[in-house]
Amino acid sequence: MSTNKIFIMCVAFSIVLSACSNDLFLTHNGNMPSNERISQLKIGDTKEQVVRTLGAPSSVVSFDKNTWIYMSSAIKRVAFMEPKEVSRDILTIEFNNEGKISNIQRLSKADGKEIAVSTDATKSQGHEPGFFEKYFGGVGGYSPFPVVDPRQL
């Protein structure tokens, strides 16, 4: 084998190996404040003080507006493989009715639990469409132009 062929094979092999590098597909999501800023918080601080110190939260719990969540995660993606979460960092801040911090909690990926997604289906009450209605029921129902009632003219 000639030296040129060996050199070309080595270059091709190194290109293939560099394409499989894991750190090229590491993405970071969220806005976790630095530990230095988090340590400035104390029980009794107001919502305004928290926003000045940490910035806006990643999420506010919808059924309890007094719980703010700051979170970040790192996800590793390799080609066609399923993405894997490498790390997760969550900070929850709970406020009392006066808008002051009542609890600060820090969680990580190790604190999480795997939840099995159910594949069961719930039957709905009411009309069960037949084959033709299910697949052809919308035929003729689309009109790109608004329908005007002649009595309204």
N, C-alpha and C. Protein backbone atom coordinates (compact mmCIF):
# COMPACT_ATOMS: atom_id res chain seq x y z
N MET A 1 0.85 -1.17 0.00
CA MET A 1 0.00 0.00 0.00
C MET A 1 0.90 1.24 0.00
N SER A 2 0.54 2.20 -0.81
CA SER A 2 1.38 3.39 -0.91
C SER A 2 1.14 4.33 0.27
N THR A 3 2.07 5.22 0.47
CA THR A 3 1.97 6.18 1.58
C THR A 3 0.81 7.13 1.40
N ASN A 4 0.49 7.46 0.16
CA ASN A 4 -0.65 8.35 -0.09
C ASN A 4 -1.96 7.72 0.35
N LYS A 5 -2.13 6.42 0.04
CA LYS A 5 -3.35 5.73 0.43
C LYS A 5 -3.46 5.64 1.95
N ILE A 6 -2.35 5.36 2.62
CA ILE A 6 -2.35 5.27 4.09
C ILE A 6 -2.69 6.64 4.69
N PHE A 7 -2.09 7.69 4.14
CA PHE A 7 -2.37 9.04 4.63
C PHE A 7 -3.84 9.41 4.44
N ILE A 8 -4.41 9.11 3.27
CA ILE A 8 -5.82 9.41 2.99
C ILE A 8 -6.73 8.62 3.92
N MET A 9 -6.41 7.35 4.16
CA MET A 9 -7.21 6.54 5.07
C MET A 9 -7.16 7.08 6.49
N CYS A 10 -6.00 7.53 6.94
CA CYS A 10 -5.87 8.10 8.29
C CYS A 10 -6.68 9.39 8.41
N VAL A 11 -6.64 10.23 7.39
CA VAL A 11 -7.41 11.48 7.40
C VAL A 11 -8.90 11.16 7.43
N ALA A 12 -9.33 10.23 6.60
CA ALA A 12 -10.76 9.86 6.57
C ALA A 12 -11.19 9.28 7.90
N PHE A 13 -10.36 8.43 8.49
CA PHE A 13 -10.68 7.83 9.78
C PHE A 13 -10.78 8.90 10.87
N SER A 14 -9.89 9.87 10.88
CA SER A 14 -9.94 10.93 11.89
C SER A 14 -11.17 11.82 11.70
N ILE A 15 -11.60 12.05 10.46
CA ILE A 15 -12.82 12.83 10.21
C ILE A 15 -14.03 12.09 10.74
N VAL A 16 -14.09 10.79 10.50
CA VAL A 16 -15.21 9.98 10.99
C VAL A 16 -15.23 10.00 12.52
N LEU A 17 -14.09 9.85 13.17
CA LEU A 17 -14.04 9.88 14.63
C LEU A 17 -14.43 11.24 15.20
N SER A 18 -13.99 12.32 14.56
CA SER A 18 -14.34 13.65 15.08
C SER A 18 -15.82 13.95 14.91
N ALA A 19 -16.47 13.34 13.91
CA ALA A 19 -17.91 13.54 13.71
C ALA A 19 -18.71 12.86 14.81
N CYS A 20 -18.14 11.87 15.47
CA CYS A 20 -18.84 11.14 16.53
C CYS A 20 -18.58 11.73 17.91
N SER A 21 -17.94 12.86 17.99
CA SER A 21 -17.61 13.46 19.28
C SER A 21 -18.88 13.85 20.04
N ASN A 22 -18.96 13.49 21.31
CA ASN A 22 -20.15 13.75 22.13
C ASN A 22 -20.33 15.22 22.50
N ASP A 23 -19.25 15.94 22.73
CA ASP A 23 -19.40 17.31 23.21
C ASP A 23 -19.94 18.26 22.14
N LEU A 24 -19.99 17.84 20.89
CA LEU A 24 -20.56 18.69 19.86
C LEU A 24 -22.07 18.80 19.97
N PHE A 25 -22.70 17.85 20.67
CA PHE A 25 -24.14 17.79 20.73
C PHE A 25 -24.68 18.02 22.14
N LEU A 26 -23.95 18.73 22.97
CA LEU A 26 -24.38 19.02 24.33
C LEU A 26 -25.08 20.38 24.33
N THR A 27 -26.37 20.39 24.71
CA THR A 27 -27.12 21.65 24.74
C THR A 27 -27.53 21.97 26.17
N HIS A 28 -27.52 23.24 26.49
CA HIS A 28 -27.91 23.72 27.81
C HIS A 28 -29.21 24.51 27.69
N ASN A 29 -30.17 24.21 28.56
CA ASN A 29 -31.47 24.87 28.54
C ASN A 29 -31.74 25.48 29.92
N GLY A 30 -32.47 26.59 29.94
CA GLY A 30 -32.88 27.19 31.20
C GLY A 30 -32.02 28.37 31.60
N ASN A 31 -32.37 28.96 32.75
CA ASN A 31 -31.61 30.11 33.26
C ASN A 31 -31.37 29.96 34.76
N MET A 32 -30.44 29.11 35.14
CA MET A 32 -30.11 28.93 36.55
C MET A 32 -29.12 30.02 36.95
N PRO A 33 -29.49 30.82 37.96
CA PRO A 33 -28.56 31.84 38.45
C PRO A 33 -27.34 31.19 39.10
N SER A 34 -26.28 31.97 39.24
CA SER A 34 -25.05 31.45 39.85
C SER A 34 -25.27 31.19 41.34
N ASN A 35 -24.45 30.30 41.90
CA ASN A 35 -24.54 29.99 43.33
C ASN A 35 -24.30 31.23 44.18
N GLU A 36 -23.47 32.12 43.70
CA GLU A 36 -23.18 33.37 44.42
C GLU A 36 -24.45 34.21 44.59
N ARG A 37 -25.24 34.32 43.53
CA ARG A 37 -26.49 35.09 43.60
C ARG A 37 -27.53 34.39 44.46
N ILE A 38 -27.62 33.07 44.33
CA ILE A 38 -28.59 32.32 45.13
C ILE A 38 -28.30 32.46 46.62
N SER A 39 -27.02 32.48 46.98
CA SER A 39 -26.65 32.59 48.40
C SER A 39 -27.04 33.96 48.99
N GLN A 40 -27.32 34.95 48.15
CA GLN A 40 -27.73 36.27 48.64
C GLN A 40 -29.18 36.29 49.12
N LEU A 41 -29.98 35.28 48.71
CA LEU A 41 -31.38 35.23 49.12
C LEU A 41 -31.50 34.79 50.57
N LYS A 42 -32.54 35.30 51.22
CA LYS A 42 -32.83 34.87 52.59
C LYS A 42 -34.34 34.88 52.81
N ILE A 43 -34.78 34.06 53.75
CA ILE A 43 -36.19 34.00 54.08
C ILE A 43 -36.66 35.40 54.48
N GLY A 44 -37.80 35.82 53.91
CA GLY A 44 -38.33 37.14 54.19
C GLY A 44 -38.11 38.15 53.08
N ASP A 45 -37.24 37.83 52.11
CA ASP A 45 -37.04 38.73 50.96
C ASP A 45 -38.33 38.79 50.13
N THR A 46 -38.57 39.92 49.49
CA THR A 46 -39.78 40.10 48.69
C THR A 46 -39.55 39.60 47.26
N LYS A 47 -40.65 39.50 46.50
CA LYS A 47 -40.56 39.08 45.10
C LYS A 47 -39.71 40.05 44.29
N GLU A 48 -39.83 41.34 44.58
CA GLU A 48 -39.05 42.35 43.87
C GLU A 48 -37.55 42.16 44.12
N GLN A 49 -37.19 41.84 45.36
CA GLN A 49 -35.79 41.61 45.68
C GLN A 49 -35.26 40.37 44.96
N VAL A 50 -36.09 39.35 44.86
CA VAL A 50 -35.69 38.12 44.16
C VAL A 50 -35.45 38.41 42.68
N VAL A 51 -36.35 39.18 42.05
CA VAL A 51 -36.19 39.51 40.64
C VAL A 51 -34.92 40.34 40.43
N ARG A 52 -34.63 41.27 41.34
CA ARG A 52 -33.40 42.07 41.22
C ARG A 52 -32.15 41.20 41.38
N THR A 53 -32.22 40.21 42.26
CA THR A 53 -31.05 39.37 42.54
C THR A 53 -30.86 38.28 41.49
N LEU A 54 -31.95 37.56 41.14
CA LEU A 54 -31.84 36.39 40.27
C LEU A 54 -32.35 36.61 38.85
N GLY A 55 -33.18 37.62 38.65
CA GLY A 55 -33.82 37.80 37.36
C GLY A 55 -35.17 37.10 37.35
N ALA A 56 -35.81 37.10 36.20
CA ALA A 56 -37.13 36.48 36.08
C ALA A 56 -37.02 34.96 36.19
N PRO A 57 -38.03 34.31 36.79
CA PRO A 57 -37.97 32.85 36.92
C PRO A 57 -38.20 32.14 35.59
N SER A 58 -37.74 30.89 35.51
CA SER A 58 -37.98 30.07 34.33
C SER A 58 -39.46 29.77 34.20
N SER A 59 -40.13 29.59 35.34
CA SER A 59 -41.54 29.23 35.34
C SER A 59 -42.18 29.65 36.65
N VAL A 60 -43.48 29.92 36.59
CA VAL A 60 -44.28 30.18 37.79
C VAL A 60 -45.36 29.12 37.79
N VAL A 61 -45.52 28.42 38.92
CA VAL A 61 -46.50 27.34 39.01
C VAL A 61 -47.88 27.93 38.73
N SER A 62 -48.59 27.35 37.76
CA SER A 62 -49.84 27.94 37.29
C SER A 62 -50.95 27.91 38.33
N PHE A 63 -51.05 26.88 39.14
CA PHE A 63 -52.12 26.83 40.13
C PHE A 63 -51.72 27.46 41.45
N ASP A 64 -50.46 27.89 41.59
CA ASP A 64 -49.99 28.55 42.81
C ASP A 64 -48.98 29.61 42.41
N LYS A 65 -49.44 30.83 42.21
CA LYS A 65 -48.56 31.90 41.72
C LYS A 65 -47.47 32.27 42.72
N ASN A 66 -47.49 31.67 43.90
CA ASN A 66 -46.49 31.97 44.92
C ASN A 66 -45.32 31.00 44.91
N THR A 67 -45.20 30.19 43.88
CA THR A 67 -44.05 29.29 43.75
C THR A 67 -43.35 29.58 42.43
N TRP A 68 -42.09 30.02 42.54
CA TRP A 68 -41.29 30.33 41.36
C TRP A 68 -40.26 29.24 41.18
N ILE A 69 -39.95 28.93 39.93
CA ILE A 69 -38.99 27.88 39.62
C ILE A 69 -37.91 28.43 38.68
N TYR A 70 -36.66 28.22 39.08
CA TYR A 70 -35.52 28.51 38.23
C TYR A 70 -34.89 27.15 37.92
N MET A 71 -34.67 26.86 36.64
CA MET A 71 -34.13 25.55 36.31
C MET A 71 -33.21 25.61 35.10
N SER A 72 -32.33 24.61 35.04
CA SER A 72 -31.48 24.44 33.87
C SER A 72 -31.18 22.96 33.72
N SER A 73 -30.85 22.58 32.50
CA SER A 73 -30.49 21.18 32.25
C SER A 73 -29.51 21.13 31.09
N ALA A 74 -28.75 20.05 31.07
CA ALA A 74 -27.83 19.78 29.97
C ALA A 74 -28.27 18.48 29.32
N ILE A 75 -28.46 18.51 28.00
CA ILE A 75 -28.94 17.34 27.28
C ILE A 75 -27.91 16.95 26.22
N LYS A 76 -27.57 15.66 26.22
CA LYS A 76 -26.60 15.13 25.26
C LYS A 76 -27.35 14.45 24.13
N ARG A 77 -27.05 14.89 22.90
CA ARG A 77 -27.65 14.30 21.71
C ARG A 77 -26.53 13.75 20.83
N VAL A 78 -26.66 12.49 20.45
CA VAL A 78 -25.68 11.87 19.58
C VAL A 78 -26.42 11.29 18.37
N ALA A 79 -26.21 11.89 17.23
CA ALA A 79 -26.78 11.46 15.95
C ALA A 79 -28.25 11.07 16.08
N PHE A 80 -28.60 9.85 15.79
CA PHE A 80 -29.99 9.40 15.79
C PHE A 80 -30.39 8.77 17.12
N MET A 81 -29.49 8.72 18.08
CA MET A 81 -29.79 8.11 19.37
C MET A 81 -30.76 8.99 20.16
N GLU A 82 -31.45 8.40 21.13
CA GLU A 82 -32.38 9.14 21.97
C GLU A 82 -31.60 10.13 22.84
N PRO A 83 -32.05 11.39 22.94
CA PRO A 83 -31.35 12.36 23.79
C PRO A 83 -31.35 11.92 25.25
N LYS A 84 -30.25 12.23 25.95
CA LYS A 84 -30.14 11.88 27.37
C LYS A 84 -29.85 13.13 28.18
N GLU A 85 -30.56 13.26 29.28
CA GLU A 85 -30.32 14.38 30.17
C GLU A 85 -29.11 14.07 31.03
N VAL A 86 -28.08 14.91 30.93
CA VAL A 86 -26.84 14.70 31.67
C VAL A 86 -26.95 15.28 33.07
N SER A 87 -27.51 16.48 33.17
CA SER A 87 -27.65 17.12 34.48
C SER A 87 -28.91 17.98 34.50
N ARG A 88 -29.43 18.19 35.71
CA ARG A 88 -30.61 19.03 35.91
C ARG A 88 -30.42 19.75 37.24
N ASP A 89 -30.71 21.03 37.25
CA ASP A 89 -30.59 21.85 38.46
C ASP A 89 -31.87 22.66 38.60
N ILE A 90 -32.54 22.53 39.74
CA ILE A 90 -33.82 23.22 39.97
C ILE A 90 -33.76 23.97 41.28
N LEU A 91 -34.22 25.21 41.24
CA LEU A 91 -34.34 26.04 42.45
C LEU A 91 -35.80 26.46 42.55
N THR A 92 -36.46 26.09 43.65
CA THR A 92 -37.84 26.53 43.87
C THR A 92 -37.86 27.52 45.02
N ILE A 93 -38.59 28.60 44.80
CA ILE A 93 -38.75 29.63 45.83
C ILE A 93 -40.24 29.78 46.09
N GLU A 94 -40.62 29.56 47.33
CA GLU A 94 -42.03 29.68 47.72
C GLU A 94 -42.21 30.97 48.50
N PHE A 95 -43.29 31.68 48.18
CA PHE A 95 -43.61 32.94 48.84
C PHE A 95 -44.88 32.75 49.68
N ASN A 96 -44.97 33.51 50.78
CA ASN A 96 -46.19 33.47 51.58
C ASN A 96 -47.20 34.46 50.99
N ASN A 97 -48.33 34.65 51.65
CA ASN A 97 -49.38 35.53 51.14
C ASN A 97 -48.97 36.99 51.10
N GLU A 98 -47.96 37.38 51.87
CA GLU A 98 -47.47 38.76 51.85
C GLU A 98 -46.44 38.99 50.76
N GLY A 99 -46.11 37.95 49.97
CA GLY A 99 -45.14 38.09 48.89
C GLY A 99 -43.70 38.01 49.36
N LYS A 100 -43.45 37.36 50.50
CA LYS A 100 -42.09 37.23 51.02
C LYS A 100 -41.69 35.75 51.00
N ILE A 101 -40.39 35.50 50.83
CA ILE A 101 -39.89 34.13 50.73
C ILE A 101 -40.17 33.37 52.02
N SER A 102 -40.81 32.18 51.86
CA SER A 102 -41.06 31.32 53.02
C SER A 102 -40.22 30.04 52.95
N ASN A 103 -39.77 29.65 51.73
CA ASN A 103 -38.99 28.44 51.60
C ASN A 103 -38.14 28.51 50.33
N ILE A 104 -36.90 28.03 50.43
CA ILE A 104 -36.00 27.94 49.28
C ILE A 104 -35.52 26.50 49.22
N GLN A 105 -35.68 25.87 48.06
CA GLN A 105 -35.29 24.46 47.93
C GLN A 105 -34.49 24.27 46.65
N ARG A 106 -33.42 23.51 46.73
CA ARG A 106 -32.55 23.22 45.59
C ARG A 106 -32.60 21.73 45.30
N LEU A 107 -32.87 21.36 44.04
CA LEU A 107 -32.97 19.96 43.65
C LEU A 107 -32.06 19.69 42.46
N SER A 108 -31.70 18.42 42.28
CA SER A 108 -30.87 18.03 41.15
C SER A 108 -31.51 16.84 40.44
N LYS A 109 -30.84 16.33 39.43
CA LYS A 109 -31.36 15.19 38.68
C LYS A 109 -31.51 13.97 39.59
N ALA A 110 -30.64 13.83 40.56
CA ALA A 110 -30.69 12.68 41.48
C ALA A 110 -31.97 12.68 42.31
N ASP A 111 -32.58 13.85 42.51
CA ASP A 111 -33.82 13.94 43.30
C ASP A 111 -35.06 13.58 42.48
N GLY A 112 -34.92 13.48 41.16
CA GLY A 112 -36.07 13.20 40.29
C GLY A 112 -36.46 11.74 40.29
N LYS A 113 -37.64 11.46 39.73
CA LYS A 113 -38.14 10.10 39.63
C LYS A 113 -38.57 9.84 38.19
N GLU A 114 -38.37 8.62 37.73
CA GLU A 114 -38.84 8.21 36.41
C GLU A 114 -40.33 7.90 36.52
N ILE A 115 -41.11 8.43 35.60
CA ILE A 115 -42.56 8.18 35.59
C ILE A 115 -42.89 7.44 34.30
N ALA A 116 -43.55 6.30 34.45
CA ALA A 116 -43.96 5.52 33.28
C ALA A 116 -45.19 6.17 32.66
N VAL A 117 -45.12 6.39 31.37
CA VAL A 117 -46.25 7.00 30.66
C VAL A 117 -47.25 5.91 30.31
N SER A 118 -48.50 6.13 30.65
CA SER A 118 -49.54 5.15 30.39
C SER A 118 -49.97 5.22 28.93
N THR A 119 -50.17 4.05 28.34
CA THR A 119 -50.63 3.99 26.95
C THR A 119 -52.12 3.70 26.87
N ASP A 120 -52.78 3.61 28.03
CA ASP A 120 -54.22 3.37 28.05
C ASP A 120 -54.97 4.55 27.46
N ALA A 121 -56.11 4.27 26.85
CA ALA A 121 -56.95 5.32 26.27
C ALA A 121 -58.26 5.39 27.04
N THR A 122 -58.79 6.58 27.20
CA THR A 122 -60.06 6.78 27.88
C THR A 122 -61.14 6.99 26.84
N LYS A 123 -62.17 6.19 26.91
CA LYS A 123 -63.31 6.34 26.00
C LYS A 123 -64.07 7.60 26.37
N SER A 124 -64.47 8.35 25.36
CA SER A 124 -65.25 9.55 25.63
C SER A 124 -66.73 9.24 25.48
N GLN A 125 -67.53 9.94 26.22
CA GLN A 125 -68.98 9.77 26.15
C GLN A 125 -69.50 10.56 24.95
N GLY A 126 -70.56 10.07 24.35
CA GLY A 126 -71.17 10.82 23.26
C GLY A 126 -71.06 10.11 21.94
N HIS A 127 -71.00 10.89 20.88
CA HIS A 127 -71.07 10.40 19.51
C HIS A 127 -69.79 9.66 19.12
N GLU A 128 -69.94 8.47 18.60
CA GLU A 128 -68.82 7.69 18.08
C GLU A 128 -68.91 7.73 16.55
N PRO A 129 -68.01 8.45 15.86
CA PRO A 129 -68.14 8.57 14.41
C PRO A 129 -67.87 7.23 13.71
N GLY A 130 -68.62 6.97 12.64
CA GLY A 130 -68.41 5.78 11.83
C GLY A 130 -67.22 5.97 10.91
N PHE A 131 -66.94 4.94 10.10
CA PHE A 131 -65.79 4.97 9.21
C PHE A 131 -65.85 6.14 8.24
N PHE A 132 -66.95 6.28 7.51
CA PHE A 132 -67.04 7.34 6.51
C PHE A 132 -67.04 8.72 7.12
N GLU A 133 -67.73 8.89 8.23
CA GLU A 133 -67.75 10.20 8.89
C GLU A 133 -66.37 10.54 9.44
N LYS A 134 -65.69 9.53 9.94
CA LYS A 134 -64.37 9.76 10.52
C LYS A 134 -63.36 10.20 9.46
N TYR A 135 -63.38 9.54 8.30
CA TYR A 135 -62.38 9.83 7.28
C TYR A 135 -62.83 10.76 6.16
N PHE A 136 -64.14 10.86 5.94
CA PHE A 136 -64.63 11.72 4.87
C PHE A 136 -65.59 12.79 5.35
N GLY A 137 -65.78 12.91 6.63
CA GLY A 137 -66.75 13.86 7.19
C GLY A 137 -66.41 15.31 6.94
N GLY A 138 -65.14 15.63 6.74
CA GLY A 138 -64.75 17.02 6.52
C GLY A 138 -64.72 17.42 5.07
N VAL A 139 -64.99 16.48 4.14
CA VAL A 139 -64.95 16.79 2.72
C VAL A 139 -66.03 17.80 2.39
N GLY A 140 -65.65 18.87 1.74
CA GLY A 140 -66.60 19.90 1.35
C GLY A 140 -66.85 20.92 2.45
N GLY A 141 -66.27 20.74 3.58
CA GLY A 141 -66.50 21.66 4.70
C GLY A 141 -65.56 22.85 4.69
N TYR A 142 -64.52 22.82 3.87
CA TYR A 142 -63.54 23.89 3.84
C TYR A 142 -63.90 24.90 2.77
N SER A 143 -63.90 26.16 3.13
CA SER A 143 -64.15 27.22 2.17
C SER A 143 -63.09 28.29 2.39
N PRO A 144 -62.24 28.54 1.38
CA PRO A 144 -61.19 29.54 1.55
C PRO A 144 -61.72 30.97 1.61
N PHE A 145 -62.97 31.15 1.19
CA PHE A 145 -63.57 32.48 1.20
C PHE A 145 -64.68 32.51 2.23
N PRO A 146 -64.88 33.64 2.89
CA PRO A 146 -65.94 33.70 3.89
C PRO A 146 -67.32 33.56 3.24
N VAL A 147 -68.18 32.81 3.90
CA VAL A 147 -69.53 32.61 3.40
C VAL A 147 -70.39 33.78 3.90
N VAL A 148 -71.03 34.49 2.97
CA VAL A 148 -71.83 35.66 3.30
C VAL A 148 -73.30 35.28 3.14
N ASP A 149 -74.06 35.56 4.15
CA ASP A 149 -75.51 35.30 4.10
C ASP A 149 -76.14 36.42 3.26
N PRO A 150 -76.86 36.09 2.17
CA PRO A 150 -77.43 37.14 1.30
C PRO A 150 -78.43 38.01 2.03
N ARG A 151 -79.03 37.52 3.10
CA ARG A 151 -80.00 38.34 3.84
C ARG A 151 -79.32 39.49 4.59
N GLN A 152 -78.01 39.35 4.82
CA GLN A 152 -77.29 40.39 5.55
C GLN A 152 -76.80 41.51 4.62
N LEU A 153 -76.94 41.34 3.32
CA LEU A 153 -76.46 42.37 2.36
C LEU A 153 -77.40 43.52 2.25
